[in-house]
Amino acid sequence: MPFQLPELPYPVDALEPHMSARTLEFHHGQHHRSYVEKLNAAIEKSPLEGKSLEEVIQATAEDKGQADIFNNAAQVWNHSFFWPCMTPNAGSTPSSELAERLTDAFGSFAYFKMRFCEAAGGQFGSGWIWLFLNGDDLQIASMPDAETPIMHGFKPLLTCDLWEHAFYLDYQNRKDDFVSTYLDVLVDWDFVASRLTTDG
């Protein structure tokens, strides 16, 4: 079966006023959909057809001749992971276990947020900011374009899309405000915590 555009885990207007329905209509309904459609077209009747999304990413990540397939596959994966990172009923702080892990890794939850925002602000151009597990170590990194932690064997816990289509309609050039708002009122910390104990 060809890859499918996943449904949003909430109504398109559920994240307002912090992320507008118009942004989600463009971001999910057009950008994410386009990545899915281009990926399906690119792998049709190729040796990659029928493979999982993760397998397609791993098979093409280091092959410049398949950069188009990699970029679309990784963007499909990244976006599919991004949507459940948010919830309309976000709490301001994570659960105790996740809070303890963040404190152990970064000194405090507040310092984690500062580090996350700094890394996002330091990403020049399009990309993603990630919190991930490298073995047992919690780490933060910004990654350019469609790069994703899974291509390096890391386990993603949280991401924020830094491409302009993710925020420009609502925040214009204020990317820093978008990222801080994301952390303060949009992140589903229960989802992030669940990633600590789930496979994949």
Protein backbone atom coordinates (compact mmCIF):
# COMPACT_ATOMS: atom_id res chain seq x y z
CA MET A 1 0.00 0.00 0.00
CA PRO A 2 1.27 3.52 -0.70
CA PHE A 3 2.01 5.77 2.23
CA GLN A 4 -0.95 7.70 3.60
CA LEU A 5 -1.32 11.16 5.11
CA PRO A 6 -2.09 10.57 8.81
CA GLU A 7 -5.07 12.30 10.36
CA LEU A 8 -4.35 15.05 12.85
CA PRO A 9 -4.87 13.83 16.43
CA TYR A 10 -7.10 16.86 17.16
CA PRO A 11 -9.44 19.19 15.23
CA VAL A 12 -7.74 21.62 12.88
CA ASP A 13 -8.68 24.60 15.09
CA ALA A 14 -7.85 22.91 18.41
CA LEU A 15 -4.47 24.61 18.91
CA GLU A 16 -5.72 28.17 18.44
CA PRO A 17 -4.71 30.88 19.19
CA HIS A 18 -1.15 29.51 19.46
CA MET A 19 -1.29 27.67 16.13
CA SER A 20 -4.11 28.70 13.84
CA ALA A 21 -6.42 26.50 11.82
CA ARG A 22 -5.11 28.25 8.71
CA THR A 23 -1.55 27.22 9.56
CA LEU A 24 -2.59 23.61 10.10
CA GLU A 25 -4.64 23.59 6.91
CA PHE A 26 -1.55 24.64 4.95
CA HIS A 27 1.02 22.72 6.98
CA HIS A 28 -0.78 19.40 7.31
CA GLY A 29 -3.24 19.58 4.45
CA GLN A 30 -0.83 20.88 1.81
CA HIS A 31 2.84 20.56 2.83
CA HIS A 32 2.64 17.19 4.58
CA ARG A 33 0.27 15.85 1.93
CA SER A 34 2.67 16.94 -0.81
CA TYR A 35 5.57 15.06 0.80
CA VAL A 36 3.44 11.90 0.93
CA GLU A 37 2.33 12.20 -2.68
CA LYS A 38 5.85 12.93 -3.97
CA LEU A 39 7.28 10.01 -1.99
CA ASN A 40 4.69 7.57 -3.35
CA ALA A 41 5.35 8.74 -6.91
CA ALA A 42 9.12 8.48 -6.48
CA ILE A 43 9.21 4.90 -5.17
CA GLU A 44 6.45 3.43 -7.34
CA LYS A 45 7.71 0.29 -9.12
CA SER A 46 11.14 0.70 -7.50
CA PRO A 47 12.97 -1.65 -5.10
CA LEU A 48 11.85 0.67 -2.27
CA GLU A 49 8.15 0.11 -2.93
CA GLY A 50 6.60 -1.89 -0.09
CA LYS A 51 9.30 -1.02 2.42
CA SER A 52 8.51 0.78 5.67
CA LEU A 53 9.10 4.51 5.94
CA GLU A 54 12.04 3.90 8.29
CA GLU A 55 13.56 1.44 5.80
CA VAL A 56 13.23 3.96 2.96
CA ILE A 57 14.94 6.62 5.08
CA GLN A 58 17.83 4.35 6.05
CA ALA A 59 18.28 3.12 2.48
CA THR A 60 18.51 6.61 0.99
CA ALA A 61 20.03 8.77 3.75
CA GLU A 62 23.62 8.61 2.46
CA ASP A 63 22.85 8.28 -1.25
CA LYS A 64 23.00 11.65 -2.98
CA GLY A 65 21.43 10.10 -6.05
CA GLN A 66 18.30 9.43 -4.01
CA ALA A 67 18.22 12.74 -2.14
CA ASP A 68 14.73 13.53 -3.41
CA ILE A 69 13.34 10.26 -2.06
CA PHE A 70 15.15 10.73 1.25
CA ASN A 71 13.94 14.31 1.69
CA ASN A 72 10.31 13.40 1.09
CA ALA A 73 10.46 10.22 3.20
CA ALA A 74 12.15 12.00 6.11
CA GLN A 75 9.71 14.90 5.93
CA VAL A 76 6.79 12.47 6.00
CA TRP A 77 8.28 10.77 9.08
CA ASN A 78 9.18 14.05 10.83
CA HIS A 79 5.75 15.57 10.31
CA SER A 80 3.96 12.39 11.37
CA PHE A 81 5.96 12.53 14.60
CA PHE A 82 5.44 16.28 15.07
CA TRP A 83 1.61 16.27 15.21
CA PRO A 84 1.26 14.07 18.34
CA CYS A 85 3.94 16.14 20.09
CA MET A 86 1.18 18.74 20.52
CA THR A 87 -2.17 18.72 22.30
CA PRO A 88 -4.90 21.30 22.97
CA ASN A 89 -4.80 20.31 26.65
CA ALA A 90 -1.09 20.77 27.20
CA GLY A 91 0.26 21.00 30.72
CA SER A 92 3.00 23.47 31.48
CA THR A 93 5.35 20.88 32.98
CA PRO A 94 6.15 17.20 32.35
CA SER A 95 5.42 14.28 34.62
CA SER A 96 7.76 13.57 37.49
CA GLU A 97 9.81 10.85 35.74
CA LEU A 98 10.40 12.94 32.62
CA ALA A 99 11.05 16.04 34.73
CA GLU A 100 13.69 14.12 36.67
CA ARG A 101 15.34 12.91 33.48
CA LEU A 102 15.40 16.44 32.06
CA THR A 103 16.81 17.82 35.32
CA ASP A 104 19.51 15.14 35.39
CA ALA A 105 20.49 15.88 31.79
CA PHE A 106 20.22 19.68 31.69
CA GLY A 107 20.21 20.91 35.30
CA SER A 108 16.53 21.86 35.48
CA PHE A 109 13.40 21.90 33.35
CA ALA A 110 13.81 25.65 32.90
CA TYR A 111 17.38 25.19 31.67
CA PHE A 112 16.23 22.45 29.27
CA LYS A 113 13.73 24.91 27.76
CA MET A 114 16.44 27.56 27.46
CA ARG A 115 18.80 25.10 25.74
CA PHE A 116 16.03 23.93 23.39
CA CYS A 117 15.18 27.52 22.41
CA GLU A 118 18.84 28.43 21.95
CA ALA A 119 19.43 25.44 19.67
CA ALA A 120 16.33 26.31 17.65
CA GLY A 121 17.41 29.93 17.35
CA GLY A 122 20.83 28.84 16.15
CA GLN A 123 19.40 26.82 13.26
CA PHE A 124 19.98 28.92 10.15
CA GLY A 125 17.35 28.22 7.54
CA SER A 126 14.95 25.32 7.45
CA GLY A 127 15.16 22.35 9.77
CA TRP A 128 13.98 20.72 12.99
CA ILE A 129 14.88 20.93 16.67
CA TRP A 130 14.91 17.61 18.51
CA LEU A 131 15.05 16.13 21.99
CA PHE A 132 16.22 12.54 21.65
CA LEU A 133 17.85 9.63 23.39
CA ASN A 134 21.38 8.75 22.34
CA GLY A 135 21.66 5.49 24.21
CA ASP A 136 20.57 6.52 27.70
CA ASP A 137 21.59 10.16 27.29
CA LEU A 138 19.02 12.88 26.65
CA GLN A 139 20.34 15.30 24.04
CA ILE A 140 19.12 18.36 22.11
CA ALA A 141 20.14 19.10 18.54
CA SER A 142 18.93 21.16 15.63
CA MET A 143 19.08 19.36 12.29
CA PRO A 144 18.92 21.02 8.87
CA ASP A 145 16.32 20.45 6.18
CA ALA A 146 14.77 16.95 6.50
CA GLU A 147 17.45 15.38 8.70
CA THR A 148 16.00 13.17 11.42
CA PRO A 149 17.46 11.42 14.49
CA ILE A 150 16.38 7.97 13.31
CA MET A 151 18.94 8.07 10.49
CA HIS A 152 21.64 8.23 13.20
CA GLY A 153 20.13 5.49 15.38
CA PHE A 154 18.79 7.95 17.98
CA LYS A 155 15.34 7.73 19.56
CA PRO A 156 13.24 10.90 19.11
CA LEU A 157 11.22 12.15 22.09
CA LEU A 158 10.13 15.63 20.95
CA THR A 159 10.46 17.81 17.89
CA CYS A 160 9.51 21.27 16.68
CA ASP A 161 9.33 22.13 12.99
CA LEU A 162 11.53 25.14 12.16
CA TRP A 163 10.55 25.44 8.51
CA GLU A 164 8.83 28.77 7.87
CA HIS A 165 5.59 27.08 6.82
CA ALA A 166 5.25 25.88 10.43
CA PHE A 167 4.98 29.34 11.93
CA TYR A 168 5.07 32.21 9.43
CA LEU A 169 1.30 32.76 9.11
CA ASP A 170 0.99 33.14 12.89
CA TYR A 171 4.38 34.53 13.96
CA GLN A 172 5.90 36.02 10.79
CA ASN A 173 9.67 36.20 11.39
CA ARG A 174 9.39 35.67 15.17
CA LYS A 175 10.66 32.10 15.20
CA ASP A 176 11.90 32.46 18.78
CA ASP A 177 8.39 33.37 19.96
CA PHE A 178 6.97 30.37 18.13
CA VAL A 179 9.40 27.95 19.77
CA SER A 180 8.92 29.35 23.27
CA THR A 181 5.13 29.28 22.86
CA TYR A 182 5.39 25.72 21.60
CA LEU A 183 7.22 24.65 24.75
CA ASP A 184 5.01 26.65 27.11
CA VAL A 185 1.51 25.78 25.89
CA LEU A 186 1.49 23.23 23.06
CA VAL A 187 3.74 20.29 23.93
CA ASP A 188 2.04 17.07 25.01
CA TRP A 189 4.45 16.11 27.78
CA ASP A 190 2.60 12.85 28.36
CA PHE A 191 3.42 11.84 24.79
CA VAL A 192 7.06 12.80 25.31
CA ALA A 193 7.19 10.79 28.55
CA SER A 194 5.61 7.77 26.84
CA ARG A 195 8.47 7.74 24.34
CA LEU A 196 10.90 6.95 27.16
CA THR A 197 9.41 3.49 27.54
CA THR A 198 8.15 2.63 24.04
CA ASP A 199 10.15 0.89 21.34
CA GLY A 200 11.09 2.67 18.13
